[in-house]
């Protein structure tokens, strides 16, 4: 195992909003996850900026995993159905 690799990245878990359920790797900033991050994504063909706030983090098998919650007030408007389970 390369200790340097596991100490330079963390796994982002999007808890809700348009990116709910998605994960991605990002670089650690000053040894930890960012408190707030911007994610750019195309929803229904429209590119938008979505803001997410750190709500918790943990370490699992040597990897930092950070959970982020959607900040709708600061994000670009987008129509998505949070209750759509189909």
PDB file of N, CA and C in Angstrom:
ATOM      1  N   UNK A   1       0.830  -1.189   0.000  1.00  0.00           N
ATOM      2  CA  UNK A   1       0.000   0.000   0.000  1.00  0.00           C
ATOM      3  C   UNK A   1       0.872   1.248   0.000  1.00  0.00           C
ATOM      4  N   UNK A   2       0.491   2.220  -0.792  1.00  0.00           N
ATOM      5  CA  UNK A   2       1.221   3.469  -0.841  1.00  0.00           C
ATOM      6  C   UNK A   2       0.558   4.460   0.107  1.00  0.00           C
ATOM      7  N   UNK A   3       1.204   4.718   1.228  1.00  0.00           N
ATOM      8  CA  UNK A   3       0.632   5.602   2.230  1.00  0.00           C
ATOM      9  C   UNK A   3       0.445   7.017   1.691  1.00  0.00           C
ATOM     10  N   UNK A   4       1.354   7.457   0.811  1.00  0.00           N
ATOM     11  CA  UNK A   4       1.242   8.806   0.279  1.00  0.00           C
ATOM     12  C   UNK A   4      -0.056   8.992  -0.500  1.00  0.00           C
ATOM     13  N   UNK A   5      -0.457   8.001  -1.274  1.00  0.00           N
ATOM     14  CA  UNK A   5      -1.669   8.116  -2.074  1.00  0.00           C
ATOM     15  C   UNK A   5      -2.904   8.255  -1.198  1.00  0.00           C
ATOM     16  N   UNK A   6      -3.012   7.448  -0.152  1.00  0.00           N
ATOM     17  CA  UNK A   6      -4.197   7.500   0.685  1.00  0.00           C
ATOM     18  C   UNK A   6      -4.248   8.781   1.506  1.00  0.00           C
ATOM     19  N   UNK A   7      -3.107   9.439   1.705  1.00  0.00           N
ATOM     20  CA  UNK A   7      -3.104  10.649   2.519  1.00  0.00           C
ATOM     21  C   UNK A   7      -3.284  11.923   1.686  1.00  0.00           C
ATOM     22  N   UNK A   8      -3.401  11.821   0.384  1.00  0.00           N
ATOM     23  CA  UNK A   8      -3.544  13.020  -0.444  1.00  0.00           C
ATOM     24  C   UNK A   8      -4.948  13.177  -1.023  1.00  0.00           C
ATOM     25  N   UNK A   9      -5.776  12.165  -0.929  1.00  0.00           N
ATOM     26  CA  UNK A   9      -7.127  12.221  -1.481  1.00  0.00           C
ATOM     27  C   UNK A   9      -8.155  11.790  -0.447  1.00  0.00           C
ATOM     28  N   UNK A  10      -9.387  12.196  -0.686  1.00  0.00           N
ATOM     29  CA  UNK A  10     -10.499  11.720   0.130  1.00  0.00           C
ATOM     30  C   UNK A  10     -11.681  11.430  -0.782  1.00  0.00           C
ATOM     31  N   UNK A  11     -12.624  10.668  -0.262  1.00  0.00           N
ATOM     32  CA  UNK A  11     -13.809  10.302  -1.021  1.00  0.00           C
ATOM     33  C   UNK A  11     -14.967  11.206  -0.606  1.00  0.00           C
ATOM     34  N   UNK A  12     -15.566  11.884  -1.579  1.00  0.00           N
ATOM     35  CA  UNK A  12     -16.740  12.730  -1.358  1.00  0.00           C
ATOM     36  C   UNK A  12     -17.984  11.871  -1.541  1.00  0.00           C
ATOM     37  N   UNK A  13     -18.898  11.953  -0.584  1.00  0.00           N
ATOM     38  CA  UNK A  13     -20.198  11.291  -0.683  1.00  0.00           C
ATOM     39  C   UNK A  13     -21.276  12.373  -0.677  1.00  0.00           C
ATOM     40  N   UNK A  14     -22.016  12.502  -1.784  1.00  0.00           N
ATOM     41  CA  UNK A  14     -23.094  13.497  -1.881  1.00  0.00           C
ATOM     42  C   UNK A  14     -24.355  12.896  -1.295  1.00  0.00           C
ATOM     43  N   UNK A  15     -24.869  13.503  -0.217  1.00  0.00           N
ATOM     44  CA  UNK A  15     -26.005  12.941   0.504  1.00  0.00           C
ATOM     45  C   UNK A  15     -27.355  13.260  -0.113  1.00  0.00           C
ATOM     46  N   UNK A  16     -27.465  14.427  -0.766  1.00  0.00           N
ATOM     47  CA  UNK A  16     -28.765  14.850  -1.280  1.00  0.00           C
ATOM     48  C   UNK A  16     -28.562  15.812  -2.443  1.00  0.00           C
ATOM     49  N   UNK A  17     -29.644  16.445  -2.868  1.00  0.00           N
ATOM     50  CA  UNK A  17     -29.563  17.379  -3.982  1.00  0.00           C
ATOM     51  C   UNK A  17     -29.423  16.667  -5.312  1.00  0.00           C
ATOM     52  N   UNK A  18     -29.044  17.406  -6.339  1.00  0.00           N
ATOM     53  CA  UNK A  18     -28.960  16.835  -7.685  1.00  0.00           C
ATOM     54  C   UNK A  18     -27.903  15.740  -7.833  1.00  0.00           C
ATOM     55  N   UNK A  19     -26.895  15.732  -6.961  1.00  0.00           N
ATOM     56  CA  UNK A  19     -25.823  14.730  -7.055  1.00  0.00           C
ATOM     57  C   UNK A  19     -25.973  13.604  -6.034  1.00  0.00           C
ATOM     58  N   UNK A  20     -27.135  13.506  -5.425  1.00  0.00           N
ATOM     59  CA  UNK A  20     -27.393  12.504  -4.396  1.00  0.00           C
ATOM     60  C   UNK A  20     -26.947  11.105  -4.830  1.00  0.00           C
ATOM     61  N   UNK A  21     -26.205  10.450  -3.954  1.00  0.00           N
ATOM     62  CA  UNK A  21     -25.764   9.080  -4.210  1.00  0.00           C
ATOM     63  C   UNK A  21     -24.471   8.966  -4.992  1.00  0.00           C
ATOM     64  N   UNK A  22     -23.981  10.060  -5.538  1.00  0.00           N
ATOM     65  CA  UNK A  22     -22.736  10.013  -6.297  1.00  0.00           C
ATOM     66  C   UNK A  22     -21.545  10.166  -5.358  1.00  0.00           C
ATOM     67  N   UNK A  23     -20.413   9.653  -5.803  1.00  0.00           N
ATOM     68  CA  UNK A  23     -19.157   9.781  -5.064  1.00  0.00           C
ATOM     69  C   UNK A  23     -18.061  10.184  -6.028  1.00  0.00           C
ATOM     70  N   UNK A  24     -17.026  10.812  -5.497  1.00  0.00           N
ATOM     71  CA  UNK A  24     -15.862  11.164  -6.302  1.00  0.00           C
ATOM     72  C   UNK A  24     -14.674  11.361  -5.376  1.00  0.00           C
ATOM     73  N   UNK A  25     -13.481  11.261  -5.925  1.00  0.00           N
ATOM     74  CA  UNK A  25     -12.266  11.526  -5.163  1.00  0.00           C
ATOM     75  C   UNK A  25     -11.833  12.966  -5.393  1.00  0.00           C
ATOM     76  N   UNK A  26     -11.379  13.610  -4.322  1.00  0.00           N
ATOM     77  CA  UNK A  26     -10.829  14.964  -4.379  1.00  0.00           C
ATOM     78  C   UNK A  26      -9.558  14.993  -3.553  1.00  0.00           C
ATOM     79  N   UNK A  27      -8.744  15.999  -3.819  1.00  0.00           N
ATOM     80  CA  UNK A  27      -7.499  16.168  -3.068  1.00  0.00           C
ATOM     81  C   UNK A  27      -7.784  16.795  -1.710  1.00  0.00           C
ATOM     82  N   UNK A  28      -7.072  16.299  -0.695  1.00  0.00           N
ATOM     83  CA  UNK A  28      -7.163  16.892   0.632  1.00  0.00           C
ATOM     84  C   UNK A  28      -6.577  18.298   0.588  1.00  0.00           C
ATOM     85  N   UNK A  29      -7.139  19.200   1.368  1.00  0.00           N
ATOM     86  CA  UNK A  29      -6.666  20.573   1.462  1.00  0.00           C
ATOM     87  C   UNK A  29      -6.154  20.772   2.890  1.00  0.00           C
ATOM     88  N   UNK A  30      -4.870  21.086   3.026  1.00  0.00           N
ATOM     89  CA  UNK A  30      -4.261  21.231   4.351  1.00  0.00           C
ATOM     90  C   UNK A  30      -4.516  20.002   5.221  1.00  0.00           C
ATOM     91  N   UNK A  31      -4.469  18.822   4.618  1.00  0.00           N
ATOM     92  CA  UNK A  31      -4.592  17.567   5.346  1.00  0.00           C
ATOM     93  C   UNK A  31      -6.002  17.096   5.625  1.00  0.00           C
ATOM     94  N   UNK A  32      -7.018  17.811   5.152  1.00  0.00           N
ATOM     95  CA  UNK A  32      -8.397  17.396   5.416  1.00  0.00           C
ATOM     96  C   UNK A  32      -9.325  17.760   4.274  1.00  0.00           C
ATOM     97  N   UNK A  33     -10.568  17.296   4.356  1.00  0.00           N
ATOM     98  CA  UNK A  33     -11.557  17.647   3.335  1.00  0.00           C
ATOM     99  C   UNK A  33     -11.905  19.132   3.414  1.00  0.00           C
ATOM    100  N   UNK A  34     -12.363  19.667   2.318  1.00  0.00           N
ATOM    101  CA  UNK A  34     -12.837  21.048   2.281  1.00  0.00           C
ATOM    102  C   UNK A  34     -14.104  21.158   3.125  1.00  0.00           C
ATOM    103  N   UNK A  35     -14.325  22.313   3.736  1.00  0.00           N
ATOM    104  CA  UNK A  35     -15.544  22.537   4.501  1.00  0.00           C
ATOM    105  C   UNK A  35     -16.727  22.785   3.573  1.00  0.00           C
ATOM    106  N   UNK A  36     -16.439  23.268   2.374  1.00  0.00           N
ATOM    107  CA  UNK A  36     -17.473  23.605   1.396  1.00  0.00           C
ATOM    108  C   UNK A  36     -16.885  23.365   0.018  1.00  0.00           C
ATOM    109  N   UNK A  37     -17.672  22.805  -0.863  1.00  0.00           N
ATOM    110  CA  UNK A  37     -17.168  22.588  -2.216  1.00  0.00           C
ATOM    111  C   UNK A  37     -18.227  22.881  -3.254  1.00  0.00           C
ATOM    112  N   UNK A  38     -17.736  23.218  -4.435  1.00  0.00           N
ATOM    113  CA  UNK A  38     -18.609  23.465  -5.579  1.00  0.00           C
ATOM    114  C   UNK A  38     -18.474  22.286  -6.532  1.00  0.00           C
ATOM    115  N   UNK A  39     -19.588  21.828  -7.022  1.00  0.00           N
ATOM    116  CA  UNK A  39     -19.600  20.744  -8.005  1.00  0.00           C
ATOM    117  C   UNK A  39     -20.327  21.252  -9.245  1.00  0.00           C
ATOM    118  N   UNK A  40     -19.724  21.042 -10.395  1.00  0.00           N
ATOM    119  CA  UNK A  40     -20.336  21.445 -11.658  1.00  0.00           C
ATOM    120  C   UNK A  40     -20.876  20.195 -12.332  1.00  0.00           C
ATOM    121  N   UNK A  41     -22.143  20.244 -12.711  1.00  0.00           N
ATOM    122  CA  UNK A  41     -22.768  19.087 -13.345  1.00  0.00           C
ATOM    123  C   UNK A  41     -23.827  19.553 -14.330  1.00  0.00           C
ATOM    124  N   UNK A  42     -24.059  18.730 -15.328  1.00  0.00           N
ATOM    125  CA  UNK A  42     -25.117  19.005 -16.302  1.00  0.00           C
ATOM    126  C   UNK A  42     -26.345  18.191 -15.911  1.00  0.00           C
ATOM    127  N   UNK A  43     -27.429  18.901 -15.644  1.00  0.00           N
ATOM    128  CA  UNK A  43     -28.703  18.264 -15.315  1.00  0.00           C
ATOM    129  C   UNK A  43     -29.661  18.601 -16.443  1.00  0.00           C
ATOM    130  N   UNK A  44     -30.170  17.566 -17.100  1.00  0.00           N
ATOM    131  CA  UNK A  44     -31.049  17.751 -18.267  1.00  0.00           C
ATOM    132  C   UNK A  44     -30.413  18.661 -19.310  1.00  0.00           C
ATOM    133  N   UNK A  45     -29.096  18.516 -19.498  1.00  0.00           N
ATOM    134  CA  UNK A  45     -28.374  19.257 -20.527  1.00  0.00           C
ATOM    135  C   UNK A  45     -27.982  20.673 -20.155  1.00  0.00           C
ATOM    136  N   UNK A  46     -28.276  21.097 -18.932  1.00  0.00           N
ATOM    137  CA  UNK A  46     -27.936  22.443 -18.482  1.00  0.00           C
ATOM    138  C   UNK A  46     -26.834  22.345 -17.434  1.00  0.00           C
ATOM    139  N   UNK A  47     -25.683  22.979 -17.718  1.00  0.00           N
ATOM    140  CA  UNK A  47     -24.574  22.957 -16.772  1.00  0.00           C
ATOM    141  C   UNK A  47     -24.861  23.915 -15.628  1.00  0.00           C
ATOM    142  N   UNK A  48     -24.690  23.445 -14.405  1.00  0.00           N
ATOM    143  CA  UNK A  48     -25.007  24.234 -13.218  1.00  0.00           C
ATOM    144  C   UNK A  48     -23.926  24.044 -12.167  1.00  0.00           C
ATOM    145  N   UNK A  49     -23.838  25.009 -11.244  1.00  0.00           N
ATOM    146  CA  UNK A  49     -22.915  24.925 -10.113  1.00  0.00           C
ATOM    147  C   UNK A  49     -23.731  24.634  -8.864  1.00  0.00           C
ATOM    148  N   UNK A  50     -23.350  23.583  -8.163  1.00  0.00           N
ATOM    149  CA  UNK A  50     -24.031  23.173  -6.941  1.00  0.00           C
ATOM    150  C   UNK A  50     -23.060  23.254  -5.775  1.00  0.00           C
ATOM    151  N   UNK A  51     -23.496  23.878  -4.685  1.00  0.00           N
ATOM    152  CA  UNK A  51     -22.666  24.014  -3.490  1.00  0.00           C
ATOM    153  C   UNK A  51     -23.065  22.969  -2.460  1.00  0.00           C
ATOM    154  N   UNK A  52     -22.058  22.382  -1.841  1.00  0.00           N
ATOM    155  CA  UNK A  52     -22.253  21.365  -0.811  1.00  0.00           C
ATOM    156  C   UNK A  52     -21.400  21.705   0.401  1.00  0.00           C
ATOM    157  N   UNK A  53     -21.943  21.426   1.601  1.00  0.00           N
ATOM    158  CA  UNK A  53     -21.257  21.690   2.859  1.00  0.00           C
ATOM    159  C   UNK A  53     -20.916  20.382   3.562  1.00  0.00           C
ATOM    160  N   UNK A  54     -19.732  20.337   4.140  1.00  0.00           N
ATOM    161  CA  UNK A  54     -19.274  19.169   4.890  1.00  0.00           C
ATOM    162  C   UNK A  54     -20.141  18.992   6.129  1.00  0.00           C
ATOM    163  N   UNK A  55     -20.672  17.786   6.317  1.00  0.00           N
ATOM    164  CA  UNK A  55     -21.489  17.502   7.500  1.00  0.00           C
ATOM    165  C   UNK A  55     -20.885  16.401   8.365  1.00  0.00           C
ATOM    166  N   UNK A  56     -19.854  15.752   7.882  1.00  0.00           N
ATOM    167  CA  UNK A  56     -19.198  14.721   8.679  1.00  0.00           C
ATOM    168  C   UNK A  56     -18.119  14.018   7.888  1.00  0.00           C
ATOM    169  N   UNK A  57     -17.200  13.411   8.625  1.00  0.00           N
ATOM    170  CA  UNK A  57     -16.154  12.634   7.965  1.00  0.00           C
ATOM    171  C   UNK A  57     -15.744  11.477   8.860  1.00  0.00           C
ATOM    172  N   UNK A  58     -15.193  10.460   8.236  1.00  0.00           N
ATOM    173  CA  UNK A  58     -14.717   9.278   8.955  1.00  0.00           C
ATOM    174  C   UNK A  58     -13.587   8.662   8.157  1.00  0.00           C
ATOM    175  N   UNK A  59     -12.867   7.772   8.773  1.00  0.00           N
ATOM    176  CA  UNK A  59     -11.812   7.051   8.070  1.00  0.00           C
ATOM    177  C   UNK A  59     -12.217   5.585   7.995  1.00  0.00           C
ATOM    178  N   UNK A  60     -12.108   5.014   6.810  1.00  0.00           N
ATOM    179  CA  UNK A  60     -12.455   3.614   6.593  1.00  0.00           C
ATOM    180  C   UNK A  60     -11.352   2.976   5.774  1.00  0.00           C
ATOM    181  N   UNK A  61     -10.717   1.967   6.329  1.00  0.00           N
ATOM    182  CA  UNK A  61      -9.616   1.266   5.660  1.00  0.00           C
ATOM    183  C   UNK A  61      -8.534   2.229   5.176  1.00  0.00           C
ATOM    184  N   UNK A  62      -8.210   3.221   6.005  1.00  0.00           N
ATOM    185  CA  UNK A  62      -7.148   4.164   5.677  1.00  0.00           C
ATOM    186  C   UNK A  62      -7.548   5.279   4.726  1.00  0.00           C
ATOM    187  N   UNK A  63      -8.820   5.325   4.325  1.00  0.00           N
ATOM    188  CA  UNK A  63      -9.293   6.357   3.404  1.00  0.00           C
ATOM    189  C   UNK A  63     -10.245   7.295   4.137  1.00  0.00           C
ATOM    190  N   UNK A  64     -10.035   8.595   3.958  1.00  0.00           N
ATOM    191  CA  UNK A  64     -10.944   9.591   4.522  1.00  0.00           C
ATOM    192  C   UNK A  64     -12.178   9.658   3.630  1.00  0.00           C
ATOM    193  N   UNK A  65     -13.338   9.565   4.259  1.00  0.00           N
ATOM    194  CA  UNK A  65     -14.617   9.682   3.546  1.00  0.00           C
ATOM    195  C   UNK A  65     -15.377  10.841   4.157  1.00  0.00           C
ATOM    196  N   UNK A  66     -15.783  11.773   3.309  1.00  0.00           N
ATOM    197  CA  UNK A  66     -16.465  12.973   3.780  1.00  0.00           C
ATOM    198  C   UNK A  66     -17.861  13.039   3.195  1.00  0.00           C
ATOM    199  N   UNK A  67     -18.829  13.374   4.044  1.00  0.00           N
ATOM    200  CA  UNK A  67     -20.231  13.452   3.635  1.00  0.00           C
ATOM    201  C   UNK A  67     -20.613  14.919   3.472  1.00  0.00           C
ATOM    202  N   UNK A  68     -21.260  15.234   2.349  1.00  0.00           N
ATOM    203  CA  UNK A  68     -21.621  16.603   2.020  1.00  0.00           C
ATOM    204  C   UNK A  68     -23.117  16.730   1.771  1.00  0.00           C
ATOM    205  N   UNK A  69     -23.693  17.821   2.313  1.00  0.00           N
ATOM    206  CA  UNK A  69     -25.125  18.108   2.145  1.00  0.00           C
ATOM    207  C   UNK A  69     -25.297  19.288   1.187  1.00  0.00           C
ATOM    208  N   UNK A  70     -26.328  19.230   0.386  1.00  0.00           N
ATOM    209  CA  UNK A  70     -26.637  20.220  -0.635  1.00  0.00           C
ATOM    210  C   UNK A  70     -27.069  21.550  -0.019  1.00  0.00           C
ATOM    211  N   UNK A  71     -26.530  22.652  -0.542  1.00  0.00           N
ATOM    212  CA  UNK A  71     -26.932  24.001  -0.144  1.00  0.00           C
ATOM    213  C   UNK A  71     -27.717  24.610  -1.301  1.00  0.00           C
ATOM    214  N   UNK A  72     -29.023  24.433  -1.305  1.00  0.00           N
ATOM    215  CA  UNK A  72     -29.874  24.892  -2.406  1.00  0.00           C
ATOM    216  C   UNK A  72     -29.871  26.406  -2.536  1.00  0.00           C
ATOM    217  N   UNK A  73     -29.747  27.123  -1.420  1.00  0.00           N
ATOM    218  CA  UNK A  73     -29.804  28.573  -1.450  1.00  0.00           C
ATOM    219  C   UNK A  73     -28.665  29.220  -2.220  1.00  0.00           C
ATOM    220  N   UNK A  74     -27.481  28.628  -2.183  1.00  0.00           N
ATOM    221  CA  UNK A  74     -26.320  29.185  -2.881  1.00  0.00           C
ATOM    222  C   UNK A  74     -26.079  28.544  -4.243  1.00  0.00           C
ATOM    223  N   UNK A  75     -26.797  27.492  -4.563  1.00  0.00           N
ATOM    224  CA  UNK A  75     -26.596  26.762  -5.815  1.00  0.00           C
ATOM    225  C   UNK A  75     -27.435  27.343  -6.939  1.00  0.00           C
ATOM    226  N   UNK A  76     -27.029  27.034  -8.176  1.00  0.00           N
ATOM    227  CA  UNK A  76     -27.849  27.403  -9.327  1.00  0.00           C
ATOM    228  C   UNK A  76     -29.191  26.684  -9.214  1.00  0.00           C
ATOM    229  N   UNK A  77     -30.253  27.344  -9.647  1.00  0.00           N
ATOM    230  CA  UNK A  77     -31.560  26.681  -9.583  1.00  0.00           C
ATOM    231  C   UNK A  77     -31.625  25.506 -10.560  1.00  0.00           C
ATOM    232  N   UNK A  78     -32.237  24.451 -10.108  1.00  0.00           N
ATOM    233  CA  UNK A  78     -32.429  23.282 -10.963  1.00  0.00           C
ATOM    234  C   UNK A  78     -33.687  22.576 -10.498  1.00  0.00           C
ATOM    235  N   UNK A  79     -34.441  22.087 -11.447  1.00  0.00           N
ATOM    236  CA  UNK A  79     -35.654  21.337 -11.111  1.00  0.00           C
ATOM    237  C   UNK A  79     -35.313  19.862 -11.059  1.00  0.00           C
ATOM    238  N   UNK A  80     -35.404  19.295  -9.866  1.00  0.00           N
ATOM    239  CA  UNK A  80     -35.243  17.855  -9.719  1.00  0.00           C
ATOM    240  C   UNK A  80     -36.212  17.407  -8.644  1.00  0.00           C
ATOM    241  N   UNK A  81     -36.656  16.183  -8.746  1.00  0.00           N
ATOM    242  CA  UNK A  81     -37.674  15.666  -7.848  1.00  0.00           C
ATOM    243  C   UNK A  81     -37.001  14.805  -6.793  1.00  0.00           C
ATOM    244  N   UNK A  82     -36.889  15.338  -5.552  1.00  0.00           N
ATOM    245  CA  UNK A  82     -36.262  14.588  -4.464  1.00  0.00           C
ATOM    246  C   UNK A  82     -37.043  13.336  -4.107  1.00  0.00           C
ATOM    247  N   UNK A  83     -38.356  13.334  -4.382  1.00  0.00           N
ATOM    248  CA  UNK A  83     -39.201  12.198  -4.030  1.00  0.00           C
ATOM    249  C   UNK A  83     -39.327  11.181  -5.157  1.00  0.00           C
ATOM    250  N   UNK A  84     -38.621  11.407  -6.245  1.00  0.00           N
ATOM    251  CA  UNK A  84     -38.713  10.509  -7.405  1.00  0.00           C
ATOM    252  C   UNK A  84     -37.933   9.244  -7.146  1.00  0.00           C
ATOM    253  N   UNK A  85     -38.627   8.173  -6.872  1.00  0.00           N
ATOM    254  CA  UNK A  85     -37.982   6.892  -6.599  1.00  0.00           C
ATOM    255  C   UNK A  85     -38.114   5.925  -7.757  1.00  0.00           C
ATOM    256  N   UNK A  86     -38.611   6.387  -8.892  1.00  0.00           N
ATOM    257  CA  UNK A  86     -38.827   5.501 -10.051  1.00  0.00           C
ATOM    258  C   UNK A  86     -37.552   5.254 -10.798  1.00  0.00           C
TER     259      UNK A  86
END
